């Protein structure tokens, strides 16, 4: 039963991110799964339960994006290079309609996801900045918490296409993404850090 639930949630995520949450009914999901609606309700309680399951799947994708900042095998600037490589994969799963529907029709789940995401982003950047300071790549007088909070604001507002600062195409454009990384890193770096940035970002062709 657990495996069937996972399959239903994965299929629902594909449908929600393509068409939005509101436009997809439980009948649609049952039909796509090739099962009766009665069987579907044995797997999930209702649409609220289904959307909550999809949110857990979204959290997994978000975690994969930020876990690189806790990878001790990479230096602080290498972590940014590796994160940049998965930007397209993450945003391939983003659809403004999904976010809009979640905010409008499932406000509690939206707040839960939003608060959780802010915490994950802040902790990841604090970890990265503190690591960079220890490695001598970032300036010692940088306040990791303050910078991390500023970056949270960027990620949840500036890079949300629904706010119409950047559109979805810009967000996955590696030239745009690289400008953001360079802008951020050059504000933190020591001379040693500058050399590492120049080396990694000029040699990396991904």
Protein backbone atom coordinates (compact mmCIF):
# COMPACT_ATOMS: atom_id res chain seq x y z
CA UNK A 1 0.00 0.00 0.00
CA UNK A 2 2.89 2.37 0.82
CA UNK A 3 4.43 1.81 -2.61
CA UNK A 4 1.08 2.53 -4.26
CA UNK A 5 0.76 5.75 -2.25
CA UNK A 6 4.21 6.86 -3.41
CA UNK A 7 3.23 6.17 -7.02
CA UNK A 8 0.00 8.16 -6.68
CA UNK A 9 1.86 11.09 -5.11
CA UNK A 10 4.54 11.11 -7.82
CA UNK A 11 1.93 11.04 -10.58
CA UNK A 12 -0.07 13.78 -8.85
CA UNK A 13 3.06 15.94 -8.59
CA UNK A 14 3.61 15.59 -12.35
CA UNK A 15 0.01 16.62 -12.98
CA UNK A 16 0.00 19.48 -10.45
CA UNK A 17 3.22 21.04 -11.71
CA UNK A 18 1.99 20.79 -15.30
CA UNK A 19 -1.62 21.93 -14.91
CA UNK A 20 -1.86 23.37 -11.39
CA UNK A 21 -3.57 21.88 -8.35
CA UNK A 22 -7.05 23.33 -8.79
CA UNK A 23 -7.63 21.99 -12.30
CA UNK A 24 -6.75 18.38 -11.39
CA UNK A 25 -9.55 16.42 -9.72
CA UNK A 26 -9.42 13.14 -7.84
CA UNK A 27 -11.28 11.64 -10.83
CA UNK A 28 -8.42 12.75 -13.08
CA UNK A 29 -5.86 11.12 -10.81
CA UNK A 30 -7.82 7.87 -10.53
CA UNK A 31 -8.16 7.75 -14.31
CA UNK A 32 -4.43 8.42 -14.87
CA UNK A 33 -3.59 5.71 -12.34
CA UNK A 34 -5.96 3.24 -13.99
CA UNK A 35 -7.80 2.62 -10.73
CA UNK A 36 -11.25 3.31 -9.39
CA UNK A 37 -11.92 6.37 -7.27
CA UNK A 38 -12.80 4.02 -4.40
CA UNK A 39 -9.37 2.41 -4.61
CA UNK A 40 -7.73 5.84 -4.76
CA UNK A 41 -9.43 6.81 -1.50
CA UNK A 42 -7.96 3.70 0.11
CA UNK A 43 -4.51 5.07 -0.76
CA UNK A 44 -5.09 8.73 0.22
CA UNK A 45 -7.78 10.12 2.51
CA UNK A 46 -8.73 13.09 0.34
CA UNK A 47 -7.19 15.76 -1.86
CA UNK A 48 -5.78 17.58 1.20
CA UNK A 49 -3.90 14.42 2.14
CA UNK A 50 -2.70 14.07 -1.44
CA UNK A 51 -1.42 17.65 -1.63
CA UNK A 52 0.33 17.20 1.74
CA UNK A 53 2.07 14.14 0.30
CA UNK A 54 3.15 16.13 -2.76
CA UNK A 55 4.59 18.81 -0.46
CA UNK A 56 6.81 16.17 1.15
CA UNK A 57 8.04 15.27 -2.34
CA UNK A 58 8.75 18.94 -3.06
CA UNK A 59 10.71 19.16 0.19
CA UNK A 60 12.84 16.26 -0.97
CA UNK A 61 13.72 18.12 -4.20
CA UNK A 62 14.53 21.28 -2.26
CA UNK A 63 16.72 19.35 0.17
CA UNK A 64 18.70 17.87 -2.70
CA UNK A 65 19.43 21.37 -3.97
CA UNK A 66 20.72 22.67 -0.64
CA UNK A 67 22.46 19.60 0.80
CA UNK A 68 25.63 20.45 -1.13
CA UNK A 69 26.29 23.27 1.38
CA UNK A 70 26.73 20.60 4.04
CA UNK A 71 29.17 18.53 1.95
CA UNK A 72 32.47 18.56 3.82
CA UNK A 73 34.38 17.09 0.87
CA UNK A 74 34.08 20.40 -1.02
CA UNK A 75 35.43 23.81 -0.11
CA UNK A 76 32.94 26.65 0.29
CA UNK A 77 33.31 27.94 -3.27
CA UNK A 78 33.26 24.45 -4.80
CA UNK A 79 29.90 23.98 -3.06
CA UNK A 80 28.49 26.90 -5.07
CA UNK A 81 29.85 25.47 -8.32
CA UNK A 82 28.22 22.10 -7.62
CA UNK A 83 24.94 23.73 -6.61
CA UNK A 84 24.88 25.74 -9.82
CA UNK A 85 25.04 22.49 -11.78
CA UNK A 86 21.65 21.35 -10.44
CA UNK A 87 19.79 24.67 -10.83
CA UNK A 88 18.14 23.62 -14.08
CA UNK A 89 17.04 20.30 -12.62
CA UNK A 90 15.39 21.98 -9.63
CA UNK A 91 13.57 24.65 -11.60
CA UNK A 92 12.41 22.13 -14.19
CA UNK A 93 9.98 21.07 -11.46
CA UNK A 94 8.69 24.57 -10.82
CA UNK A 95 5.43 25.92 -12.21
CA UNK A 96 4.06 29.29 -11.00
CA UNK A 97 0.52 27.90 -11.22
CA UNK A 98 1.34 25.23 -8.64
CA UNK A 99 2.69 27.86 -6.24
CA UNK A 100 -0.29 30.15 -6.85
CA UNK A 101 -2.85 27.37 -6.28
CA UNK A 102 -1.05 26.17 -3.16
CA UNK A 103 -1.06 29.69 -1.72
CA UNK A 104 -4.73 30.31 -2.57
CA UNK A 105 -6.40 26.97 -1.84
CA UNK A 106 -4.07 25.37 0.72
CA UNK A 107 -2.75 28.33 2.76
CA UNK A 108 -1.69 26.26 5.77
CA UNK A 109 0.36 23.89 3.62
CA UNK A 110 1.79 26.87 1.74
CA UNK A 111 2.90 28.55 4.99
CA UNK A 112 4.37 25.30 6.27
CA UNK A 113 6.39 24.79 3.08
CA UNK A 114 7.44 28.46 2.96
CA UNK A 115 8.62 28.53 6.58
CA UNK A 116 10.43 25.22 6.21
CA UNK A 117 12.12 26.36 2.99
CA UNK A 118 13.35 29.60 4.58
CA UNK A 119 14.89 27.61 7.43
CA UNK A 120 16.62 25.18 5.04
CA UNK A 121 18.05 28.02 2.92
CA UNK A 122 19.24 30.03 5.93
CA UNK A 123 20.94 27.03 7.57
CA UNK A 124 22.60 26.03 4.29
CA UNK A 125 24.07 29.49 3.69
CA UNK A 126 25.22 29.86 7.29
CA UNK A 127 27.01 26.52 6.97
CA UNK A 128 28.62 27.58 3.69
CA UNK A 129 29.74 31.00 4.95
CA UNK A 130 31.17 29.68 8.21
CA UNK A 131 33.04 27.01 6.28
CA UNK A 132 34.43 29.62 3.89
CA UNK A 133 35.61 31.75 6.81
CA UNK A 134 37.45 28.80 8.37
CA UNK A 135 39.09 28.02 5.03
CA UNK A 136 40.24 31.61 4.61
CA UNK A 137 38.15 31.96 1.46
CA UNK A 138 35.62 34.38 3.00
CA UNK A 139 36.35 37.44 5.12
CA UNK A 140 36.42 36.76 8.87
CA UNK A 141 34.26 39.79 9.71
CA UNK A 142 31.29 38.58 7.64
CA UNK A 143 28.16 38.01 9.75
CA UNK A 144 26.93 34.67 8.43
CA UNK A 145 23.44 34.99 9.89
CA UNK A 146 22.79 38.44 8.44
CA UNK A 147 24.04 37.46 4.97
CA UNK A 148 22.07 34.20 5.08
CA UNK A 149 18.85 36.09 5.88
CA UNK A 150 19.45 38.47 2.97
CA UNK A 151 19.93 35.47 0.70
CA UNK A 152 16.71 33.91 1.97
CA UNK A 153 14.92 37.07 0.85
CA UNK A 154 16.50 36.73 -2.61
CA UNK A 155 15.48 33.11 -3.00
CA UNK A 156 11.89 33.44 -1.78
CA UNK A 157 11.10 36.73 -3.50
CA UNK A 158 13.56 37.85 -6.18
CA UNK A 159 13.81 34.40 -7.77
CA UNK A 160 10.11 33.59 -7.57
CA UNK A 161 8.74 34.12 -11.12
CA UNK A 162 5.33 35.04 -9.70
CA UNK A 163 6.91 38.31 -8.48
CA UNK A 164 7.90 39.12 -12.09
CA UNK A 165 11.47 40.23 -11.40
CA UNK A 166 12.94 37.26 -13.26
CA UNK A 167 10.84 34.89 -15.32
CA UNK A 168 11.22 31.11 -15.34
CA UNK A 169 13.52 31.22 -18.37
CA UNK A 170 15.90 33.66 -16.62
CA UNK A 171 16.03 31.52 -13.47
CA UNK A 172 17.34 28.49 -15.34
CA UNK A 173 19.64 30.50 -17.63
CA UNK A 174 23.15 29.63 -16.43
CA UNK A 175 24.45 33.04 -17.52
CA UNK A 176 21.95 34.73 -15.18
CA UNK A 177 22.62 32.21 -12.41
CA UNK A 178 26.38 32.73 -12.70
CA UNK A 179 25.96 36.50 -12.32
CA UNK A 180 24.16 35.92 -9.03
CA UNK A 181 26.87 33.57 -7.73
CA UNK A 182 29.69 35.93 -8.72
CA UNK A 183 27.88 38.93 -7.22
CA UNK A 184 27.44 37.05 -3.95
CA UNK A 185 30.90 35.47 -3.75
CA UNK A 186 32.87 38.59 -4.62
CA UNK A 187 31.15 40.34 -1.72
CA UNK A 188 32.44 37.69 0.68
CA UNK A 189 35.84 36.69 -0.63
CA UNK A 190 39.36 37.27 0.61
CA UNK A 191 42.19 37.47 -1.93
CA UNK A 192 42.52 33.70 -1.60
CA UNK A 193 38.80 33.39 -2.26
CA UNK A 194 38.96 35.61 -5.34
CA UNK A 195 41.59 33.33 -6.86
CA UNK A 196 39.45 30.27 -6.18
CA UNK A 197 36.39 31.91 -7.74
CA UNK A 198 38.34 32.90 -10.85
CA UNK A 199 39.76 29.40 -11.17
CA UNK A 200 36.54 27.47 -10.61
CA UNK A 201 34.14 29.66 -12.54
CA UNK A 202 36.42 30.13 -15.53
CA UNK A 203 37.33 26.43 -15.80
CA UNK A 204 33.92 24.92 -15.06
CA UNK A 205 32.01 24.29 -18.30
CA UNK A 206 28.91 22.59 -16.93
